Amino acid sequence: LACSIAAESVLPVLFALIGIFLMILPQVPGLAKLHWVQTV
């Protein structure tokens, strides 16, 4: 199927957002109270 570069880039962008989320995980409200999150 013909897909644009933008469409094929959706998942790389999602992986990047997940990486950023993990970097700020100890500051995320609600999750920060979990013991393991505090160690990330």
Full PDB file with SEQRES, HELIX, SHEET, SSBOND, CRYST1, ORIGX, SCALE, CONECT and MASTER records, all heavy atoms in Angstrom:
SEQRES   1 A   40  LEU ALA CYS SER ILE ALA ALA GLU SER VAL LEU PRO VAL          
SEQRES   2 A   40  LEU PHE ALA LEU ILE GLY ILE PHE LEU MET ILE LEU PRO          
SEQRES   3 A   40  GLN VAL PRO GLY LEU ALA LYS LEU HIS TRP VAL GLN THR          
SEQRES   4 A   40  VAL                                                          
HELIX    1 AA1 ILE A    5  GLU A    8  1                                   4    
HELIX    2 AA2 VAL A   10  MET A   23  1                                  14    
HELIX    3 AA3 LEU A   25  GLN A   27  5                                   3    
HELIX    4 AA4 HIS A   35  GLN A   38  1                                   4    
CRYST1    1.000    1.000    1.000  90.00  90.00  90.00 P 1           1          
ORIGX1      1.000000  0.000000  0.000000        0.00000                         
ORIGX2      0.000000  1.000000  0.000000        0.00000                         
ORIGX3      0.000000  0.000000  1.000000        0.00000                         
SCALE1      1.000000  0.000000  0.000000        0.00000                         
SCALE2      0.000000  1.000000  0.000000        0.00000                         
SCALE3      0.000000  0.000000  1.000000        0.00000                         
ATOM      1  N   LEU A   1       0.836  -1.195   0.000  1.00  0.00           N  
ATOM      2  CA  LEU A   1       0.000   0.000   0.000  1.00  0.00           C  
ATOM      3  C   LEU A   1       0.872   1.247   0.000  1.00  0.00           C  
ATOM      4  O   LEU A   1       1.917   1.293   0.658  1.00  0.00           O  
ATOM      5  CB  LEU A   1      -0.897   0.002   1.239  1.00  0.00           C  
ATOM      6  CG  LEU A   1      -1.849  -1.197   1.352  1.00  0.00           C  
ATOM      7  CD1 LEU A   1      -2.354  -1.311   2.777  1.00  0.00           C  
ATOM      8  CD2 LEU A   1      -2.999  -1.044   0.389  1.00  0.00           C  
ATOM      9  N   ALA A   2       0.455   2.214  -0.762  1.00  0.00           N  
ATOM     10  CA  ALA A   2       1.211   3.464  -0.821  1.00  0.00           C  
ATOM     11  C   ALA A   2       0.936   4.275   0.442  1.00  0.00           C  
ATOM     12  O   ALA A   2      -0.198   4.657   0.718  1.00  0.00           O  
ATOM     13  CB  ALA A   2       0.806   4.256  -2.062  1.00  0.00           C  
ATOM     14  N   CYS A   3       1.973   4.499   1.227  1.00  0.00           N  
ATOM     15  CA  CYS A   3       1.840   5.292   2.453  1.00  0.00           C  
ATOM     16  C   CYS A   3       2.868   6.409   2.423  1.00  0.00           C  
ATOM     17  O   CYS A   3       4.008   6.213   1.994  1.00  0.00           O  
ATOM     18  CB  CYS A   3       2.051   4.420   3.684  1.00  0.00           C  
ATOM     19  SG  CYS A   3       0.689   3.290   4.023  1.00  0.00           S  
ATOM     20  N   SER A   4       2.462   7.555   2.889  1.00  0.00           N  
ATOM     21  CA  SER A   4       3.363   8.694   2.903  1.00  0.00           C  
ATOM     22  C   SER A   4       4.421   8.536   3.984  1.00  0.00           C  
ATOM     23  O   SER A   4       4.273   7.740   4.913  1.00  0.00           O  
ATOM     24  CB  SER A   4       2.561   9.974   3.148  1.00  0.00           C  
ATOM     25  OG  SER A   4       1.992   9.944   4.453  1.00  0.00           O  
ATOM     26  N   ILE A   5       5.492   9.293   3.847  1.00  0.00           N  
ATOM     27  CA  ILE A   5       6.531   9.288   4.871  1.00  0.00           C  
ATOM     28  C   ILE A   5       5.943   9.720   6.213  1.00  0.00           C  
ATOM     29  O   ILE A   5       6.306   9.193   7.268  1.00  0.00           O  
ATOM     30  CB  ILE A   5       7.690  10.222   4.470  1.00  0.00           C  
ATOM     31  CG1 ILE A   5       8.386   9.683   3.218  1.00  0.00           C  
ATOM     32  CG2 ILE A   5       8.684  10.358   5.609  1.00  0.00           C  
ATOM     33  CD1 ILE A   5       9.041   8.346   3.422  1.00  0.00           C  
ATOM     34  N   ALA A   6       5.011  10.659   6.158  1.00  0.00           N  
ATOM     35  CA  ALA A   6       4.384  11.125   7.406  1.00  0.00           C  
ATOM     36  C   ALA A   6       3.636   9.985   8.091  1.00  0.00           C  
ATOM     37  O   ALA A   6       3.721   9.810   9.312  1.00  0.00           O  
ATOM     38  CB  ALA A   6       3.443  12.285   7.110  1.00  0.00           C  
ATOM     39  N   ALA A   7       2.907   9.188   7.302  1.00  0.00           N  
ATOM     40  CA  ALA A   7       2.167   8.069   7.894  1.00  0.00           C  
ATOM     41  C   ALA A   7       3.110   7.024   8.466  1.00  0.00           C  
ATOM     42  O   ALA A   7       2.858   6.460   9.535  1.00  0.00           O  
ATOM     43  CB  ALA A   7       1.262   7.441   6.836  1.00  0.00           C  
ATOM     44  N   GLU A   8       4.207   6.746   7.762  1.00  0.00           N  
ATOM     45  CA  GLU A   8       5.168   5.760   8.239  1.00  0.00           C  
ATOM     46  C   GLU A   8       5.951   6.262   9.454  1.00  0.00           C  
ATOM     47  O   GLU A   8       6.565   5.461  10.169  1.00  0.00           O  
ATOM     48  CB  GLU A   8       6.148   5.391   7.123  1.00  0.00           C  
ATOM     49  CG  GLU A   8       5.502   4.660   5.956  1.00  0.00           C  
ATOM     50  CD  GLU A   8       5.048   3.252   6.333  1.00  0.00           C  
ATOM     51  OE1 GLU A   8       3.944   3.124   6.909  1.00  0.00           O  
ATOM     52  OE2 GLU A   8       5.786   2.294   6.081  1.00  0.00           O  
ATOM     53  N   SER A   9       5.915   7.567   9.683  1.00  0.00           N  
ATOM     54  CA  SER A   9       6.654   8.148  10.815  1.00  0.00           C  
ATOM     55  C   SER A   9       5.836   8.198  12.097  1.00  0.00           C  
ATOM     56  O   SER A   9       6.359   8.595  13.154  1.00  0.00           O  
ATOM     57  CB  SER A   9       7.119   9.571  10.452  1.00  0.00           C  
ATOM     58  OG  SER A   9       7.975   9.552   9.330  1.00  0.00           O  
ATOM     59  N   VAL A  10       4.562   7.791  12.025  1.00  0.00           N  
ATOM     60  CA  VAL A  10       3.703   7.852  13.215  1.00  0.00           C  
ATOM     61  C   VAL A  10       4.288   7.012  14.344  1.00  0.00           C  
ATOM     62  O   VAL A  10       4.390   7.464  15.501  1.00  0.00           O  
ATOM     63  CB  VAL A  10       2.270   7.394  12.869  1.00  0.00           C  
ATOM     64  CG1 VAL A  10       1.458   7.171  14.143  1.00  0.00           C  
ATOM     65  CG2 VAL A  10       1.592   8.406  11.975  1.00  0.00           C  
ATOM     66  N   LEU A  11       4.689   5.790  14.032  1.00  0.00           N  
ATOM     67  CA  LEU A  11       5.184   4.910  15.090  1.00  0.00           C  
ATOM     68  C   LEU A  11       6.532   5.339  15.637  1.00  0.00           C  
ATOM     69  O   LEU A  11       6.731   5.291  16.860  1.00  0.00           O  
ATOM     70  CB  LEU A  11       5.218   3.463  14.587  1.00  0.00           C  
ATOM     71  CG  LEU A  11       3.835   2.818  14.517  1.00  0.00           C  
ATOM     72  CD1 LEU A  11       3.886   1.472  13.825  1.00  0.00           C  
ATOM     73  CD2 LEU A  11       3.247   2.657  15.911  1.00  0.00           C  
ATOM     74  N   PRO A  12       7.500   5.761  14.812  1.00  0.00           N  
ATOM     75  CA  PRO A  12       8.728   6.312  15.406  1.00  0.00           C  
ATOM     76  C   PRO A  12       8.448   7.472  16.351  1.00  0.00           C  
ATOM     77  O   PRO A  12       9.084   7.581  17.408  1.00  0.00           O  
ATOM     78  CB  PRO A  12       9.528   6.758  14.177  1.00  0.00           C  
ATOM     79  CG  PRO A  12       9.090   5.848  13.088  1.00  0.00           C  
ATOM     80  CD  PRO A  12       7.634   5.609  13.352  1.00  0.00           C  
ATOM     81  N   VAL A  13       7.498   8.315  16.003  1.00  0.00           N  
ATOM     82  CA  VAL A  13       7.152   9.443  16.881  1.00  0.00           C  
ATOM     83  C   VAL A  13       6.546   8.925  18.179  1.00  0.00           C  
ATOM     84  O   VAL A  13       6.854   9.430  19.276  1.00  0.00           O  
ATOM     85  CB  VAL A  13       6.186  10.404  16.163  1.00  0.00           C  
ATOM     86  CG1 VAL A  13       5.611  11.420  17.146  1.00  0.00           C  
ATOM     87  CG2 VAL A  13       6.885  11.108  15.016  1.00  0.00           C  
ATOM     88  N   LEU A  14       5.695   7.895  18.093  1.00  0.00           N  
ATOM     89  CA  LEU A  14       5.112   7.327  19.310  1.00  0.00           C  
ATOM     90  C   LEU A  14       6.185   6.732  20.222  1.00  0.00           C  
ATOM     91  O   LEU A  14       6.141   6.905  21.443  1.00  0.00           O  
ATOM     92  CB  LEU A  14       4.091   6.255  18.948  1.00  0.00           C  
ATOM     93  CG  LEU A  14       2.671   6.725  18.646  1.00  0.00           C  
ATOM     94  CD1 LEU A  14       1.793   5.543  18.269  1.00  0.00           C  
ATOM     95  CD2 LEU A  14       2.072   7.460  19.837  1.00  0.00           C  
ATOM     96  N   PHE A  15       7.140   6.029  19.637  1.00  0.00           N  
ATOM     97  CA  PHE A  15       8.248   5.500  20.439  1.00  0.00           C  
ATOM     98  C   PHE A  15       8.997   6.645  21.116  1.00  0.00           C  
ATOM     99  O   PHE A  15       9.393   6.529  22.292  1.00  0.00           O  
ATOM    100  CB  PHE A  15       9.207   4.693  19.560  1.00  0.00           C  
ATOM    101  CG  PHE A  15       8.864   3.240  19.468  1.00  0.00           C  
ATOM    102  CD1 PHE A  15       7.926   2.790  18.551  1.00  0.00           C  
ATOM    103  CD2 PHE A  15       9.464   2.310  20.304  1.00  0.00           C  
ATOM    104  CE1 PHE A  15       7.605   1.447  18.458  1.00  0.00           C  
ATOM    105  CE2 PHE A  15       9.144   0.969  20.233  1.00  0.00           C  
ATOM    106  CZ  PHE A  15       8.211   0.527  19.302  1.00  0.00           C  
ATOM    107  N   ALA A  16       9.218   7.743  20.399  1.00  0.00           N  
ATOM    108  CA  ALA A  16       9.914   8.889  20.991  1.00  0.00           C  
ATOM    109  C   ALA A  16       9.120   9.472  22.155  1.00  0.00           C  
ATOM    110  O   ALA A  16       9.680   9.816  23.211  1.00  0.00           O  
ATOM    111  CB  ALA A  16      10.165   9.953  19.924  1.00  0.00           C  
ATOM    112  N   LEU A  17       7.801   9.564  21.986  1.00  0.00           N  
ATOM    113  CA  LEU A  17       6.963  10.091  23.066  1.00  0.00           C  
ATOM    114  C   LEU A  17       6.988   9.175  24.285  1.00  0.00           C  
ATOM    115  O   LEU A  17       6.994   9.652  25.432  1.00  0.00           O  
ATOM    116  CB  LEU A  17       5.526  10.260  22.566  1.00  0.00           C  
ATOM    117  CG  LEU A  17       5.308  11.354  21.514  1.00  0.00           C  
ATOM    118  CD1 LEU A  17       3.874  11.325  21.015  1.00  0.00           C  
ATOM    119  CD2 LEU A  17       5.660  12.725  22.083  1.00  0.00           C  
ATOM    120  N   ILE A  18       7.020   7.853  24.040  1.00  0.00           N  
ATOM    121  CA  ILE A  18       7.118   6.915  25.161  1.00  0.00           C  
ATOM    122  C   ILE A  18       8.440   7.107  25.881  1.00  0.00           C  
ATOM    123  O   ILE A  18       8.507   7.083  27.118  1.00  0.00           O  
ATOM    124  CB  ILE A  18       6.978   5.467  24.652  1.00  0.00           C  
ATOM    125  CG1 ILE A  18       5.555   5.231  24.145  1.00  0.00           C  
ATOM    126  CG2 ILE A  18       7.303   4.465  25.762  1.00  0.00           C  
ATOM    127  CD1 ILE A  18       5.372   3.918  23.406  1.00  0.00           C  
ATOM    128  N   GLY A  19       9.535   7.297  25.115  1.00  0.00           N  
ATOM    129  CA  GLY A  19      10.831   7.546  25.741  1.00  0.00           C  
ATOM    130  C   GLY A  19      10.817   8.797  26.603  1.00  0.00           C  
ATOM    131  O   GLY A  19      11.332   8.801  27.727  1.00  0.00           O  
ATOM    132  N   ILE A  20      10.204   9.852  26.097  1.00  0.00           N  
ATOM    133  CA  ILE A  20      10.113  11.098  26.872  1.00  0.00           C  
ATOM    134  C   ILE A  20       9.264  10.881  28.124  1.00  0.00           C  
ATOM    135  O   ILE A  20       9.601  11.371  29.216  1.00  0.00           O  
ATOM    136  CB  ILE A  20       9.530  12.221  25.993  1.00  0.00           C  
ATOM    137  CG1 ILE A  20      10.510  12.552  24.859  1.00  0.00           C  
ATOM    138  CG2 ILE A  20       9.223  13.462  26.823  1.00  0.00           C  
ATOM    139  CD1 ILE A  20       9.939  13.486  23.816  1.00  0.00           C  
ATOM    140  N   PHE A  21       8.166  10.141  27.961  1.00  0.00           N  
ATOM    141  CA  PHE A  21       7.306   9.851  29.112  1.00  0.00           C  
ATOM    142  C   PHE A  21       8.086   9.109  30.194  1.00  0.00           C  
ATOM    143  O   PHE A  21       7.956   9.418  31.392  1.00  0.00           O  
ATOM    144  CB  PHE A  21       6.100   9.030  28.651  1.00  0.00           C  
ATOM    145  CG  PHE A  21       5.198   8.594  29.773  1.00  0.00           C  
ATOM    146  CD1 PHE A  21       4.298   9.473  30.342  1.00  0.00           C  
ATOM    147  CD2 PHE A  21       5.259   7.293  30.258  1.00  0.00           C  
ATOM    148  CE1 PHE A  21       3.467   9.060  31.382  1.00  0.00           C  
ATOM    149  CE2 PHE A  21       4.432   6.875  31.276  1.00  0.00           C  
ATOM    150  CZ  PHE A  21       3.526   7.761  31.845  1.00  0.00           C  
ATOM    151  N   LEU A  22       8.891   8.131  29.813  1.00  0.00           N  
ATOM    152  CA  LEU A  22       9.682   7.388  30.796  1.00  0.00           C  
ATOM    153  C   LEU A  22      10.704   8.291  31.476  1.00  0.00           C  
ATOM    154  O   LEU A  22      11.012   8.112  32.664  1.00  0.00           O  
ATOM    155  CB  LEU A  22      10.385   6.215  30.120  1.00  0.00           C  
ATOM    156  CG  LEU A  22       9.477   5.069  29.658  1.00  0.00           C  
ATOM    157  CD1 LEU A  22      10.269   4.057  28.842  1.00  0.00           C  
ATOM    158  CD2 LEU A  22       8.824   4.385  30.861  1.00  0.00           C  
ATOM    159  N   MET A  23      11.224   9.253  30.759  1.00  0.00           N  
ATOM    160  CA  MET A  23      12.203  10.170  31.345  1.00  0.00           C  
ATOM    161  C   MET A  23      11.586  11.048  32.427  1.00  0.00           C  
ATOM    162  O   MET A  23      12.243  11.398  33.412  1.00  0.00           O  
ATOM    163  CB  MET A  23      12.831  11.031  30.246  1.00  0.00           C  
ATOM    164  CG  MET A  23      13.703  10.240  29.267  1.00  0.00           C  
ATOM    165  SD  MET A  23      14.214  11.200  27.827  1.00  0.00           S  
ATOM    166  CE  MET A  23      15.267  12.430  28.588  1.00  0.00           C  
ATOM    167  N   ILE A  24      10.320  11.410  32.244  1.00  0.00           N  
ATOM    168  CA  ILE A  24       9.668  12.287  33.225  1.00  0.00           C  
ATOM    169  C   ILE A  24       8.744  11.502  34.162  1.00  0.00           C  
ATOM    170  O   ILE A  24       7.995  12.097  34.942  1.00  0.00           O  
ATOM    171  CB  ILE A  24       8.860  13.399  32.525  1.00  0.00           C  
ATOM    172  CG1 ILE A  24       7.713  12.802  31.702  1.00  0.00           C  
ATOM    173  CG2 ILE A  24       9.774  14.236  31.634  1.00  0.00           C  
ATOM    174  CD1 ILE A  24       6.746  13.847  31.150  1.00  0.00           C  
ATOM    175  N   LEU A  25       8.796  10.163  34.107  1.00  0.00           N  
ATOM    176  CA  LEU A  25       7.872   9.329  34.864  1.00  0.00           C  
ATOM    177  C   LEU A  25       7.816   9.660  36.353  1.00  0.00           C  
ATOM    178  O   LEU A  25       6.732   9.727  36.938  1.00  0.00           O  
ATOM    179  CB  LEU A  25       8.229   7.858  34.658  1.00  0.00           C  
ATOM    180  CG  LEU A  25       7.214   6.824  35.154  1.00  0.00           C  
ATOM    181  CD1 LEU A  25       5.867   7.005  34.461  1.00  0.00           C  
ATOM    182  CD2 LEU A  25       7.740   5.409  34.903  1.00  0.00           C  
ATOM    183  N   PRO A  26       8.955   9.894  37.032  1.00  0.00           N  
ATOM    184  CA  PRO A  26       8.886  10.183  38.471  1.00  0.00           C  
ATOM    185  C   PRO A  26       8.152  11.483  38.813  1.00  0.00           C  
ATOM    186  O   PRO A  26       7.831  11.720  39.977  1.00  0.00           O  
ATOM    187  CB  PRO A  26      10.364  10.280  38.881  1.00  0.00           C  
ATOM    188  CG  PRO A  26      11.088   9.477  37.859  1.00  0.00           C  
ATOM    189  CD  PRO A  26      10.345   9.720  36.589  1.00  0.00           C  
ATOM    190  N   GLN A  27       7.890  12.303  37.799  1.00  0.00           N  
ATOM    191  CA  GLN A  27       7.173  13.565  38.052  1.00  0.00           C  
ATOM    192  C   GLN A  27       5.718  13.516  37.605  1.00  0.00           C  
ATOM    193  O   GLN A  27       4.995  14.500  37.735  1.00  0.00           O  
ATOM    194  CB  GLN A  27       7.871  14.732  37.314  1.00  0.00           C  
ATOM    195  CG  GLN A  27       9.167  15.201  37.939  1.00  0.00           C  
ATOM    196  CD  GLN A  27      10.311  14.260  37.663  1.00  0.00           C  
ATOM    197  OE1 GLN A  27      10.516  13.862  36.513  1.00  0.00           O  
ATOM    198  NE2 GLN A  27      11.072  13.914  38.695  1.00  0.00           N  
ATOM    199  N   VAL A  28       5.273  12.365  37.085  1.00  0.00           N  
ATOM    200  CA  VAL A  28       3.894  12.262  36.581  1.00  0.00           C  
ATOM    201  C   VAL A  28       2.937  12.137  37.765  1.00  0.00           C  
ATOM    202  O   VAL A  28       3.074  11.227  38.591  1.00  0.00           O  
ATOM    203  CB  VAL A  28       3.741  11.041  35.653  1.00  0.00           C  
ATOM    204  CG1 VAL A  28       2.283  10.886  35.236  1.00  0.00           C  
ATOM    205  CG2 VAL A  28       4.628  11.205  34.427  1.00  0.00           C  
ATOM    206  N   PRO A  29       1.961  13.045  37.890  1.00  0.00           N  
ATOM    207  CA  PRO A  29       1.014  12.970  39.014  1.00  0.00           C  
ATOM    208  C   PRO A  29       0.274  11.633  39.017  1.00  0.00           C  
ATOM    209  O   PRO A  29      -0.110  11.112  37.978  1.00  0.00           O  
ATOM    210  CB  PRO A  29       0.049  14.131  38.718  1.00  0.00           C  
ATOM    211  CG  PRO A  29       0.825  15.068  37.849  1.00  0.00           C  
ATOM    212  CD  PRO A  29       1.724  14.207  37.021  1.00  0.00           C  
ATOM    213  N   GLY A  30       0.086  11.095  40.208  1.00  0.00           N  
ATOM    214  CA  GLY A  30      -0.609   9.824  40.350  1.00  0.00           C  
ATOM    215  C   GLY A  30       0.347   8.656  40.327  1.00  0.00           C  
ATOM    216  O   GLY A  30       0.311   7.799  41.214  1.00  0.00           O  
ATOM    217  N   LEU A  31       1.221   8.602  39.328  1.00  0.00           N  
ATOM    218  CA  LEU A  31       2.182   7.508  39.244  1.00  0.00           C  
ATOM    219  C   LEU A  31       3.367   7.707  40.171  1.00  0.00           C  
ATOM    220  O   LEU A  31       3.984   6.740  40.629  1.00  0.00           O  
ATOM    221  CB  LEU A  31       2.688   7.357  37.800  1.00  0.00           C  
ATOM    222  CG  LEU A  31       1.652   6.938  36.764  1.00  0.00           C  
ATOM    223  CD1 LEU A  31       2.276   6.891  35.374  1.00  0.00           C  
ATOM    224  CD2 LEU A  31       1.066   5.575  37.115  1.00  0.00           C  
ATOM    225  N   ALA A  32       3.699   8.963  40.451  1.00  0.00           N  
ATOM    226  CA  ALA A  32       4.889   9.261  41.240  1.00  0.00           C  
ATOM    227  C   ALA A  32       4.833   8.681  42.649  1.00  0.00           C  
ATOM    228  O   ALA A  32       5.865   8.499  43.293  1.00  0.00           O  
ATOM    229  CB  ALA A  32       5.105  10.779  41.313  1.00  0.00           C  
ATOM    230  N   LYS A  33       3.643   8.340  43.141  1.00  0.00           N  
ATOM    231  CA  LYS A  33       3.531   7.809  44.499  1.00  0.00           C  
ATOM    232  C   LYS A  33       3.946   6.341  44.589  1.00  0.00           C  
ATOM    233  O   LYS A  33       4.171   5.829  45.682  1.00  0.00           O  
ATOM    234  CB  LYS A  33       2.093   7.970  45.001  1.00  0.00           C  
ATOM    235  CG  LYS A  33       1.078   7.159  44.213  1.00  0.00           C  
ATOM    236  CD  LYS A  33      -0.337   7.384  44.734  1.00  0.00           C  
ATOM    237  CE  LYS A  33      -1.356   6.552  43.944  1.00  0.00           C  
ATOM    238  NZ  LYS A  33      -2.732   6.774  44.439  1.00  0.00           N  
ATOM    239  N   LEU A  34       4.039   5.650  43.438  1.00  0.00           N  
ATOM    240  CA  LEU A  34       4.452   4.250  43.445  1.00  0.00           C  
ATOM    241  C   LEU A  34       5.936   4.145  43.759  1.00  0.00           C  
ATOM    242  O   LEU A  34       6.749   4.928  43.241  1.00  0.00           O  
ATOM    243  CB  LEU A  34       4.158   3.605  42.088  1.00  0.00           C  
ATOM    244  CG  LEU A  34       2.686   3.559  41.668  1.00  0.00           C  
ATOM    245  CD1 LEU A  34       2.554   3.008  40.260  1.00  0.00           C  
ATOM    246  CD2 LEU A  34       1.871   2.727  42.650  1.00  0.00           C  
ATOM    247  N   HIS A  35       6.281   3.161  44.581  1.00  0.00           N  
ATOM    248  CA  HIS A  35       7.681   3.026  44.996  1.00  0.00           C  
ATOM    249  C   HIS A  35       8.608   2.840  43.805  1.00  0.00           C  
ATOM    250  O   HIS A  35       9.666   3.468  43.726  1.00  0.00           O  
ATOM    251  CB  HIS A  35       7.827   1.837  45.953  1.00  0.00           C  
ATOM    252  CG  HIS A  35       7.102   2.017  47.248  1.00  0.00           C  
ATOM    253  ND1 HIS A  35       6.609   0.960  47.986  1.00  0.00           N  
ATOM    254  CD2 HIS A  35       6.758   3.137  47.934  1.00  0.00           C  
ATOM    255  CE1 HIS A  35       6.013   1.426  49.074  1.00  0.00           C  
ATOM    256  NE2 HIS A  35       6.085   2.735  49.057  1.00  0.00           N  
ATOM    257  N   TRP A  36       8.234   1.971  42.856  1.00  0.00           N  
ATOM    258  CA  TRP A  36       9.143   1.679  41.756  1.00  0.00           C  
ATOM    259  C   TRP A  36       9.301   2.882  40.829  1.00  0.00           C  
ATOM    260  O   TRP A  36      10.378   3.097  40.261  1.00  0.00           O  
ATOM    261  CB  TRP A  36       8.687   0.443  40.985  1.00  0.00           C  
ATOM    262  CG  TRP A  36       7.480   0.615  40.113  1.00  0.00           C  
ATOM    263  CD1 TRP A  36       6.191   0.389  40.442  1.00  0.00           C  
ATOM    264  CD2 TRP A  36       7.483   1.036  38.743  1.00  0.00           C  
ATOM    265  NE1 TRP A  36       5.366   0.643  39.370  1.00  0.00           N  
ATOM    266  CE2 TRP A  36       6.138   1.032  38.310  1.00  0.00           C  
ATOM    267  CE3 TRP A  36       8.475   1.411  37.842  1.00  0.00           C  
ATOM    268  CZ2 TRP A  36       5.763   1.408  37.017  1.00  0.00           C  
ATOM    269  CZ3 TRP A  36       8.119   1.770  36.553  1.00  0.00           C  
ATOM    270  CH2 TRP A  36       6.778   1.778  36.150  1.00  0.00           C  
ATOM    271  N   VAL A  37       8.247   3.681  40.693  1.00  0.00           N  
ATOM    272  CA  VAL A  37       8.340   4.864  39.838  1.00  0.00           C  
ATOM    273  C   VAL A  37       9.351   5.858  40.399  1.00  0.00           C  
ATOM    274  O   VAL A  37      10.090   6.516  39.654  1.00  0.00           O  
ATOM    275  CB  VAL A  37       6.953   5.519  39.673  1.00  0.00           C  
ATOM    276  CG1 VAL A  37       7.070   6.876  38.979  1.00  0.00           C  
ATOM    277  CG2 VAL A  37       6.026   4.601  38.885  1.00  0.00           C  
ATOM    278  N   GLN A  38       9.420   5.936  41.720  1.00  0.00           N  
ATOM    279  CA  GLN A  38      10.366   6.864  42.350  1.00  0.00           C  
ATOM    280  C   GLN A  38      11.821   6.495  42.078  1.00  0.00           C  
ATOM    281  O   GLN A  38      12.716   7.329  42.232  1.00  0.00           O  
ATOM    282  CB  GLN A  38      10.100   6.897  43.855  1.00  0.00           C  
ATOM    283  CG  GLN A  38       8.716   7.400  44.229  1.00  0.00           C  
ATOM    284  CD  GLN A  38       8.366   7.134  45.692  1.00  0.00           C  
ATOM    285  OE1 GLN A  38       9.236   6.818  46.496  1.00  0.00           O  
ATOM    286  NE2 GLN A  38       7.086   7.237  46.023  1.00  0.00           N  
ATOM    287  N   THR A  39      12.059   5.249  41.688  1.00  0.00           N  
ATOM    288  CA  THR A  39      13.433   4.805  41.443  1.00  0.00           C  
ATOM    289  C   THR A  39      13.862   4.932  39.987  1.00  0.00           C  
ATOM    290  O   THR A  39      15.024   4.699  39.656  1.00  0.00           O  
ATOM    291  CB  THR A  39      13.596   3.336  41.871  1.00  0.00           C  
ATOM    292  OG1 THR A  39      12.794   2.498  41.028  1.00  0.00           O  
ATOM    293  CG2 THR A  39      13.182   3.140  43.313  1.00  0.00           C  
ATOM    294  N   VAL A  40      12.926   5.273  39.094  1.00  0.00           N  
ATOM    295  CA  VAL A  40      13.218   5.315  37.658  1.00  0.00           C  
ATOM    296  C   VAL A  40      14.190   6.455  37.354  1.00  0.00           C  
ATOM    297  O   VAL A  40      14.014   7.584  37.825  1.00  0.00           O  
ATOM    298  CB  VAL A  40      11.923   5.478  36.839  1.00  0.00           C  
ATOM    299  CG1 VAL A  40      12.232   5.723  35.368  1.00  0.00           C  
ATOM    300  CG2 VAL A  40      11.060   4.238  36.995  1.00  0.00           C  
TER     301      VAL A  40                                                      
MASTER        0    0    0    4    0    0    0    6  300    1    0    4          
END                                                                             
